[in-house]
C-alpha cells in the first residue's frame, strides 16, 4: 500500500505469479523487490528489472 499526503491509501499492483515459467510476455522481476522511502516533493528513482523482453527494449 502507498500512503499519500492526504492519508488515503492506494493499492500497489504486484506480479501475482511467482513462477516465471508461466509468464508469456514481459514481467517485473520481483526477486530484488524492496520498500522505498522518499520525501514528498523530491525525486525518487525506482530500480526495476523486466524479464522476458524478447526483441523489445
Protein backbone atom coordinates (compact mmCIF):
# COMPACT_ATOMS: atom_id res chain seq x y z
CA UNK A 1 0.00 0.00 0.00
CA UNK A 2 1.14 3.51 -0.73
CA UNK A 3 0.06 6.30 1.52
CA UNK A 4 -0.03 9.84 0.17
CA UNK A 5 -0.09 13.17 1.95
CA UNK A 6 -3.88 13.00 2.16
CA UNK A 7 -3.62 9.94 4.40
CA UNK A 8 -5.55 7.80 1.91
CA UNK A 9 -4.08 4.51 0.76
CA UNK A 10 -3.95 3.19 -2.78
CA UNK A 11 -3.31 -0.34 -3.99
CA UNK A 12 0.05 -1.29 -5.45
CA UNK A 13 -0.02 -3.91 -8.19
CA UNK A 14 2.46 -6.74 -7.97
CA UNK A 15 3.02 -9.86 -10.02
CA UNK A 16 0.53 -12.43 -8.80
CA UNK A 17 2.55 -15.35 -10.16
CA UNK A 18 5.88 -16.30 -8.63
CA UNK A 19 6.63 -18.97 -11.26
CA UNK A 20 8.32 -17.08 -14.11
CA UNK A 21 7.92 -20.07 -16.47
CA UNK A 22 4.19 -19.32 -16.77
CA UNK A 23 4.75 -15.72 -17.96
CA UNK A 24 4.08 -15.23 -21.68
CA UNK A 25 5.09 -11.57 -22.00
CA UNK A 26 7.34 -9.08 -20.25
CA UNK A 27 7.05 -9.05 -16.46
CA UNK A 28 8.74 -7.40 -13.48
CA UNK A 29 11.40 -9.45 -11.71
CA UNK A 30 10.32 -9.22 -8.08
CA UNK A 31 13.28 -11.18 -6.65
CA UNK A 32 15.05 -7.91 -5.76
CA UNK A 33 11.95 -6.02 -4.62
CA UNK A 34 12.28 -3.71 -1.64
CA UNK A 35 10.46 -0.84 0.02
CA UNK A 36 11.48 2.68 -0.95
CA UNK A 37 11.02 5.66 1.35
CA UNK A 38 11.16 9.18 -0.01
CA UNK A 39 10.36 12.77 0.89
CA UNK A 40 7.23 14.35 -0.58
CA UNK A 41 8.15 16.66 -3.45
CA UNK A 42 11.61 15.14 -4.04
CA UNK A 43 12.68 12.99 -6.99
CA UNK A 44 12.90 9.26 -6.31
CA UNK A 45 14.34 6.64 -8.64
CA UNK A 46 12.75 3.21 -8.67
CA UNK A 47 15.08 0.48 -9.91
CA UNK A 48 13.38 -2.46 -11.56
CA UNK A 49 14.20 -5.33 -13.87
CA UNK A 50 11.89 -6.54 -16.59
CA UNK A 51 12.23 -10.13 -17.73
CA UNK A 52 11.16 -11.77 -20.98
CA UNK A 53 11.51 -8.62 -23.11
CA UNK A 54 12.12 -10.55 -26.32
CA UNK A 55 13.06 -8.05 -29.05
CA UNK A 56 11.67 -5.07 -27.12
CA UNK A 57 13.91 -2.56 -25.34
